Protein backbone atom coordinates (compact mmCIF):
# COMPACT_ATOMS: atom_id res chain seq x y z
CA MET A 1 171.27 39.83 159.10
CA ASN A 2 174.71 40.63 160.52
CA ASP A 3 175.98 44.21 160.54
CA SER A 4 179.68 44.02 159.61
CA ARG A 5 180.11 47.52 161.00
CA HIS A 6 179.76 46.07 164.50
CA ALA A 7 181.54 42.74 163.97
CA THR A 8 185.18 42.64 164.98
CA PRO A 9 187.24 40.05 163.04
CA ALA A 10 188.97 37.61 165.39
CA THR A 11 192.50 37.74 163.99
CA PRO A 12 194.37 41.07 164.19
CA PRO A 13 196.24 42.10 161.03
CA GLU A 14 200.02 41.81 160.92
CA PRO A 15 201.98 45.08 161.28
CA ASP A 16 203.31 44.80 157.73
CA SER A 17 199.74 44.84 156.41
CA VAL A 18 200.19 48.63 156.20
CA CYS A 19 202.92 48.12 153.55
CA ILE A 20 200.45 48.86 150.76
CA PRO A 21 201.97 48.51 147.28
CA GLY A 22 202.31 51.63 145.17
CA PRO A 23 204.76 53.94 143.40
CA TRP A 24 206.83 54.19 146.58
CA ARG A 25 209.35 52.19 148.60
CA HIS A 26 208.75 50.68 152.05
CA ARG A 27 211.68 50.71 154.46
CA LEU A 28 212.44 49.77 158.07
CA ILE A 29 214.95 52.22 159.52
CA SER A 30 216.73 51.94 162.88
CA ALA A 31 216.52 55.18 164.85
CA ASN A 32 216.64 56.06 168.55
CA GLY A 33 216.73 52.41 169.57
CA ILE A 34 213.68 51.25 167.57
CA HIS A 35 212.71 50.38 163.99
CA LEU A 36 210.54 52.90 162.18
CA HIS A 37 208.53 52.16 159.04
CA ALA A 38 209.10 54.78 156.36
CA VAL A 39 207.66 55.10 152.86
CA ASP A 40 209.63 57.22 150.43
CA VAL A 41 209.81 58.48 146.86
CA LEU A 42 212.77 60.11 145.11
CA PRO A 43 212.51 62.40 142.07
CA ASN A 44 212.30 60.53 138.76
CA ASN A 45 215.61 59.01 137.68
CA TRP A 46 217.41 60.53 140.67
CA GLU A 47 219.56 57.48 141.33
CA HIS A 48 220.37 57.15 137.61
CA ASN A 49 221.40 60.81 137.26
CA HIS A 50 223.34 61.26 140.52
CA PRO A 51 226.31 59.54 142.13
CA PRO A 52 225.62 57.00 144.89
CA GLY A 53 225.03 58.71 148.22
CA GLU A 54 223.66 61.98 146.89
CA LEU A 55 220.16 62.88 148.05
CA PRO A 56 217.73 65.73 147.37
CA PRO A 57 216.38 67.74 150.33
CA LEU A 58 214.17 65.70 152.64
CA VAL A 59 210.49 66.42 153.31
CA LEU A 60 209.36 64.35 156.31
CA LEU A 61 205.60 63.74 156.54
CA LEU A 62 204.16 62.93 159.99
CA HIS A 63 200.64 61.60 160.56
CA GLY A 64 198.09 62.35 163.25
CA TYR A 65 196.21 60.37 165.90
CA GLY A 66 194.51 57.20 164.67
CA GLU A 67 196.27 57.34 161.30
CA HIS A 68 199.56 56.13 159.80
CA TRP A 69 201.75 56.94 156.80
CA TRP A 70 198.80 56.45 154.41
CA THR A 71 197.40 59.86 155.33
CA TRP A 72 200.10 61.31 153.03
CA HIS A 73 199.98 58.80 150.17
CA HIS A 74 198.50 61.36 147.77
CA GLN A 75 201.34 63.82 148.44
CA LEU A 76 204.41 61.57 148.09
CA GLN A 77 204.72 61.72 144.31
CA PRO A 78 203.93 65.45 143.87
CA ILE A 79 206.57 66.32 146.49
CA ALA A 80 209.14 64.08 144.81
CA ALA A 81 208.26 65.53 141.39
CA ALA A 82 209.07 68.98 142.82
CA GLY A 83 212.64 67.83 143.49
CA PHE A 84 212.47 66.59 147.07
CA HIS A 85 213.01 63.30 148.86
CA ALA A 86 209.46 62.64 150.09
CA MET A 87 209.16 60.38 153.13
CA ALA A 88 206.07 59.47 155.19
CA VAL A 89 206.61 57.66 158.48
CA ASP A 90 204.63 55.55 160.94
CA LEU A 91 205.22 57.14 164.34
CA ARG A 92 206.42 54.93 167.19
CA GLY A 93 203.53 52.63 168.10
CA TYR A 94 201.72 52.86 164.76
CA GLY A 95 201.56 50.72 161.64
CA ASN A 96 204.71 48.73 160.94
CA SER A 97 206.92 50.71 163.34
CA ASP A 98 208.02 49.17 166.64
CA LYS A 99 205.64 49.35 169.60
CA PRO A 100 207.70 49.46 172.79
CA PRO A 101 205.82 49.90 176.10
CA ARG A 102 207.15 53.42 176.71
CA GLY A 103 208.22 56.57 174.89
CA TYR A 104 204.89 58.09 173.80
CA ASP A 105 205.67 61.72 174.48
CA LEU A 106 206.52 64.56 172.12
CA VAL A 107 210.18 64.78 173.12
CA THR A 108 210.80 61.09 172.44
CA ALA A 109 208.83 61.28 169.19
CA ALA A 110 210.94 64.26 168.09
CA ASN A 111 214.10 62.32 168.92
CA ASP A 112 212.78 59.35 166.94
CA MET A 113 212.31 61.53 163.87
CA ALA A 114 215.65 63.32 164.26
CA GLY A 115 217.34 59.92 164.45
CA LEU A 116 215.51 58.79 161.33
CA VAL A 117 216.63 61.91 159.44
CA ARG A 118 220.25 61.17 160.32
CA ALA A 119 219.89 57.45 159.57
CA THR A 120 218.66 58.19 156.05
CA GLY A 121 221.73 60.30 155.30
CA HIS A 122 220.26 63.77 155.67
CA ARG A 123 221.51 66.66 157.76
CA THR A 124 218.46 68.92 157.41
CA VAL A 125 214.75 68.41 156.91
CA ILE A 126 211.49 70.18 156.12
CA VAL A 127 208.86 68.76 158.48
CA VAL A 128 205.20 68.48 157.47
CA GLY A 129 202.90 67.29 160.25
CA HIS A 130 199.16 66.76 160.67
CA GLY A 131 197.49 66.85 164.09
CA LEU A 132 199.70 64.89 166.48
CA GLY A 133 202.39 64.82 163.79
CA GLY A 134 202.26 68.61 163.73
CA ALA A 135 202.90 68.70 167.49
CA VAL A 136 205.92 66.45 166.89
CA GLY A 137 207.02 68.88 164.17
CA TRP A 138 206.78 71.90 166.47
CA THR A 139 208.86 69.98 169.02
CA MET A 140 211.48 69.02 166.44
CA ALA A 141 211.74 72.64 165.29
CA ARG A 142 212.45 73.74 168.85
CA MET A 143 214.83 70.93 169.80
CA PHE A 144 216.77 70.74 166.53
CA ARG A 145 216.88 74.34 165.40
CA LYS A 146 219.74 73.89 162.95
CA GLY A 147 218.31 70.72 161.44
CA VAL A 148 214.72 71.78 160.69
CA THR A 149 214.72 74.39 157.91
CA LYS A 150 210.95 74.86 157.58
CA LEU A 151 207.87 73.65 159.43
CA ILE A 152 204.50 73.07 157.76
CA VAL A 153 201.60 71.99 159.95
CA VAL A 154 198.06 70.92 159.10
CA GLY A 155 195.46 71.38 161.82
CA ALA A 156 198.17 71.66 164.46
CA PRO A 157 198.65 74.79 166.59
CA HIS A 158 201.78 75.20 168.70
CA PRO A 159 201.48 72.66 171.57
CA LEU A 160 201.22 75.38 174.23
CA ILE A 161 198.43 77.09 172.28
CA GLN A 162 196.73 73.75 171.73
CA ARG A 163 196.61 73.09 175.48
CA VAL A 164 194.54 76.22 176.03
CA ASP A 165 192.38 75.55 172.96
CA LEU A 166 191.60 72.02 174.16
CA LEU A 167 190.55 73.28 177.59
CA LYS A 168 188.15 75.72 175.95
CA LYS A 169 186.63 72.87 173.93
CA ILE A 170 186.25 70.68 177.02
CA PHE A 171 184.31 73.40 178.84
CA THR A 172 182.11 74.04 175.79
CA ASN A 173 181.40 70.29 175.40
CA ASN A 174 182.99 70.11 171.95
CA ARG A 175 182.87 66.42 170.99
CA THR A 176 186.12 66.58 169.01
CA VAL A 177 188.08 66.42 172.29
CA GLY A 178 186.39 63.15 173.26
CA PRO A 179 189.40 60.92 172.49
CA LEU A 180 191.73 63.07 174.62
CA VAL A 181 189.35 62.87 177.58
CA SER A 182 188.48 59.18 177.21
CA ALA A 183 192.16 58.23 176.73
CA GLN A 184 192.75 59.02 180.40
CA VAL A 185 190.65 55.93 181.25
CA PRO A 186 192.60 52.65 181.00
CA ARG A 187 191.68 50.01 178.39
CA LEU A 188 188.32 51.47 177.25
CA PRO A 189 189.65 53.69 174.43
CA GLU A 190 191.84 50.85 173.14
CA TRP A 191 188.80 48.59 172.93
CA ARG A 192 186.75 51.27 171.19
CA MET A 193 189.41 51.92 168.56
CA ARG A 194 189.34 48.27 167.50
CA GLN A 195 185.64 48.34 166.72
CA PRO A 196 184.89 48.60 162.97
CA GLY A 197 182.58 51.60 163.36
CA TRP A 198 184.92 53.70 165.46
CA ILE A 199 187.22 55.11 162.78
CA GLU A 200 184.32 55.99 160.48
CA ASP A 201 182.65 57.95 163.28
CA TYR A 202 185.95 59.56 164.27
CA LEU A 203 186.77 60.70 160.74
CA GLY A 204 183.17 61.61 159.98
CA HIS A 205 182.95 64.10 162.84
CA ARG A 206 186.16 65.82 161.73
CA ALA A 207 186.12 65.72 157.93
CA SER A 208 183.82 67.72 155.69
CA ALA A 209 180.22 66.50 155.50
CA GLY A 210 179.81 63.30 153.53
CA TRP A 211 183.50 62.70 152.81
CA THR A 212 183.61 59.28 154.51
CA LYS A 213 180.94 58.11 152.03
CA THR A 214 183.06 58.98 148.99
CA THR A 215 185.30 56.41 147.29
CA ASP A 216 188.44 57.91 148.86
CA GLY A 217 186.73 58.23 152.21
CA LYS A 218 185.59 54.60 152.25
CA GLU A 219 189.09 53.44 151.31
CA THR A 220 190.61 55.53 154.09
CA VAL A 221 188.13 54.17 156.65
CA GLN A 222 189.08 50.63 155.64
CA VAL A 223 192.85 51.25 155.63
CA PHE A 224 192.93 53.10 158.96
CA GLY A 225 190.41 50.77 160.57
CA ASP A 226 192.45 47.69 159.69
CA ALA A 227 195.66 49.29 160.98
CA LEU A 228 194.06 50.17 164.33
CA ARG A 229 193.40 46.45 164.92
CA ILE A 230 197.12 45.63 164.75
CA ALA A 231 198.23 44.35 168.16
CA ASN A 232 199.07 47.13 170.65
CA VAL A 233 198.35 50.03 168.27
CA GLY A 234 195.35 51.15 170.33
CA TYR A 235 197.41 51.23 173.52
CA CYS A 236 200.29 53.12 171.89
CA ALA A 237 198.03 55.64 170.17
CA ASN A 238 196.28 56.49 173.42
CA GLU A 239 199.53 56.69 175.37
CA TYR A 240 200.35 59.81 173.32
CA LEU A 241 197.04 61.35 174.42
CA ARG A 242 197.60 60.30 178.02
CA TRP A 243 200.93 62.11 178.00
CA LEU A 244 199.34 65.20 176.47
CA GLY A 245 196.65 65.19 179.15
CA ARG A 246 198.72 64.35 182.21
CA SER A 247 202.16 65.81 181.55
CA ARG A 248 201.09 69.35 182.38
CA PHE A 249 200.84 68.25 186.01
CA ARG A 250 204.24 66.54 186.06
CA ALA A 251 207.87 67.61 186.03
CA ASP A 252 208.49 66.36 182.49
CA GLY A 253 205.57 68.41 181.23
CA PHE A 254 206.86 71.51 183.01
CA ARG A 255 210.31 71.06 181.46
CA TYR A 256 208.71 70.59 178.05
CA SER A 257 206.67 73.78 178.42
CA GLN A 258 209.73 75.77 179.41
CA LYS A 259 211.61 74.57 176.32
CA MET A 260 208.71 75.30 174.00
CA LYS A 261 208.19 78.89 175.19
CA ARG A 262 211.13 80.21 173.18
CA ARG A 263 210.22 81.65 169.78
CA LEU A 264 211.24 79.93 166.57
CA SER A 265 213.08 81.82 163.86
CA LEU A 266 212.41 79.38 161.02
CA PRO A 267 209.47 79.89 158.61
CA VAL A 268 206.22 78.19 159.66
CA VAL A 269 203.20 77.57 157.42
CA ALA A 270 199.96 76.52 159.13
CA PHE A 271 197.18 74.98 157.01
CA ARG A 272 193.62 74.68 158.22
CA GLY A 273 190.56 73.27 156.48
CA GLU A 274 187.82 75.87 156.04
CA HIS A 275 185.33 73.71 157.96
CA ASP A 276 187.75 72.20 160.49
CA PRO A 277 185.81 71.57 163.74
CA VAL A 278 188.96 70.59 165.65
CA VAL A 279 191.34 73.56 165.30
CA SER A 280 190.13 77.14 165.32
CA LEU A 281 191.56 79.82 163.06
CA ASP A 282 192.23 81.95 166.13
CA ALA A 283 194.36 79.17 167.66
CA LEU A 284 196.59 79.11 164.59
CA LYS A 285 196.89 82.89 164.47
CA GLU A 286 197.95 82.91 168.13
CA CYS A 287 201.01 80.86 167.16
CA THR A 288 202.72 84.16 166.34
CA ARG A 289 203.60 84.17 170.06
CA TYR A 290 206.02 81.34 169.39
CA THR A 291 207.35 81.98 165.89
CA GLU A 292 208.78 84.99 164.10
CA SER A 293 207.51 83.95 160.66
CA LEU A 294 204.01 82.48 160.35
CA GLN A 295 201.68 82.11 157.37
CA VAL A 296 198.17 80.79 158.01
CA VAL A 297 196.52 79.25 154.93
CA THR A 298 192.87 78.19 154.72
CA VAL A 299 192.06 75.22 152.48
CA PRO A 300 188.52 75.70 151.12
CA HIS A 301 185.74 73.10 151.41
CA CYS A 302 187.75 70.86 153.78
CA GLY A 303 187.55 69.73 157.37
CA PHE A 304 190.41 68.42 159.49
CA TYR A 305 191.98 66.30 156.69
CA PRO A 306 192.69 68.47 153.62
CA GLN A 307 195.47 66.09 152.52
CA LEU A 308 192.81 63.39 152.13
CA GLU A 309 189.66 65.38 151.41
CA ALA A 310 191.07 67.51 148.57
CA PRO A 311 194.33 65.72 147.72
CA GLN A 312 195.07 67.23 144.33
CA PHE A 313 194.37 70.81 145.38
CA PHE A 314 196.17 70.43 148.69
CA SER A 315 199.21 68.78 147.09
CA GLY A 316 199.55 71.80 144.80
CA LEU A 317 199.35 74.15 147.78
CA LEU A 318 201.86 72.12 149.74
CA VAL A 319 204.39 72.04 146.89
CA HIS A 320 203.97 75.81 146.47
CA TYR A 321 204.76 76.49 150.13
CA LEU A 322 207.64 74.03 150.17
CA GLY A 323 209.31 76.30 147.63
CA ALA A 324 212.15 75.34 145.34
CA PRO A 325 214.67 72.84 146.74
CA ARG A 326 217.27 75.17 148.22
CA LEU A 327 219.92 72.70 149.26
CA ALA A 328 222.32 70.91 146.99
CA ALA A 329 222.33 67.15 147.23
CA VAL A 330 223.95 66.19 150.53
CA PRO A 331 226.31 63.24 151.01
CA LEU A 332 225.39 60.33 153.21
CA ARG A 333 227.06 60.38 156.61
């Protein structure tokens, strides 16, 4: 009897296979020289009740390693219902976004997202990022201080704190750093990511116990697993980790560290699942070294993916910390 868990289908899915139908709109947006796939929701009847070109404040949702926009699909409508323009994006190299051979560093990713914000007609943005997406958010907040009005991260310490935290985990043989270590080897991690069992194991060791066996968990395993088989996604995903691992020994990494050392003045909210094995509570608390206003919030009964593991509860928390939309509708530029 064949075990489908270990059988890799021959034909890779098309990039637009991640354009899953739902109460949202799929868009391809030109930014920073590439096309980025974005999924957005406006408040009910916004276009009917407002003149053309007026937009509510933007909340930009950035996914983590091995994921794509789908990690935020539960949050899009609640954020829009709270009066915001909710937008989840496939980072460069993921999903239906372009997959150029280069540009998988945090500075380029931040420039990609800043270009997308401008291309959609917004001047300011609230950034919400999980894991790798949180690192992009921290970088955006530092590079575009006047454009990012609030930063909300999920399982994502400040990148300079995360470097130290990852080293501690490597020396204590914490298996959650396995992808970062193995990514430094060419080709092998890309091959592993395409195997049907990989994403279930990856999520299972980071989420709360048993979540991957739930209905939502099984759906997520299927959706993410299919997307990782899209041509070149494995390479692009691991290029981000290669940059994170190697840049500290290079000039570009030194320049990045120097930029990121300056403290942020904008408000930062850091969420962490109560049972998160990836990011320690101490690592998030240490982020006070790099921001003047930090709130650390624990999400009970969750691991590394509270937005997926407890979507209704987490969506309520997220909307609460987003606050009331403070900006009037802004004209397209």
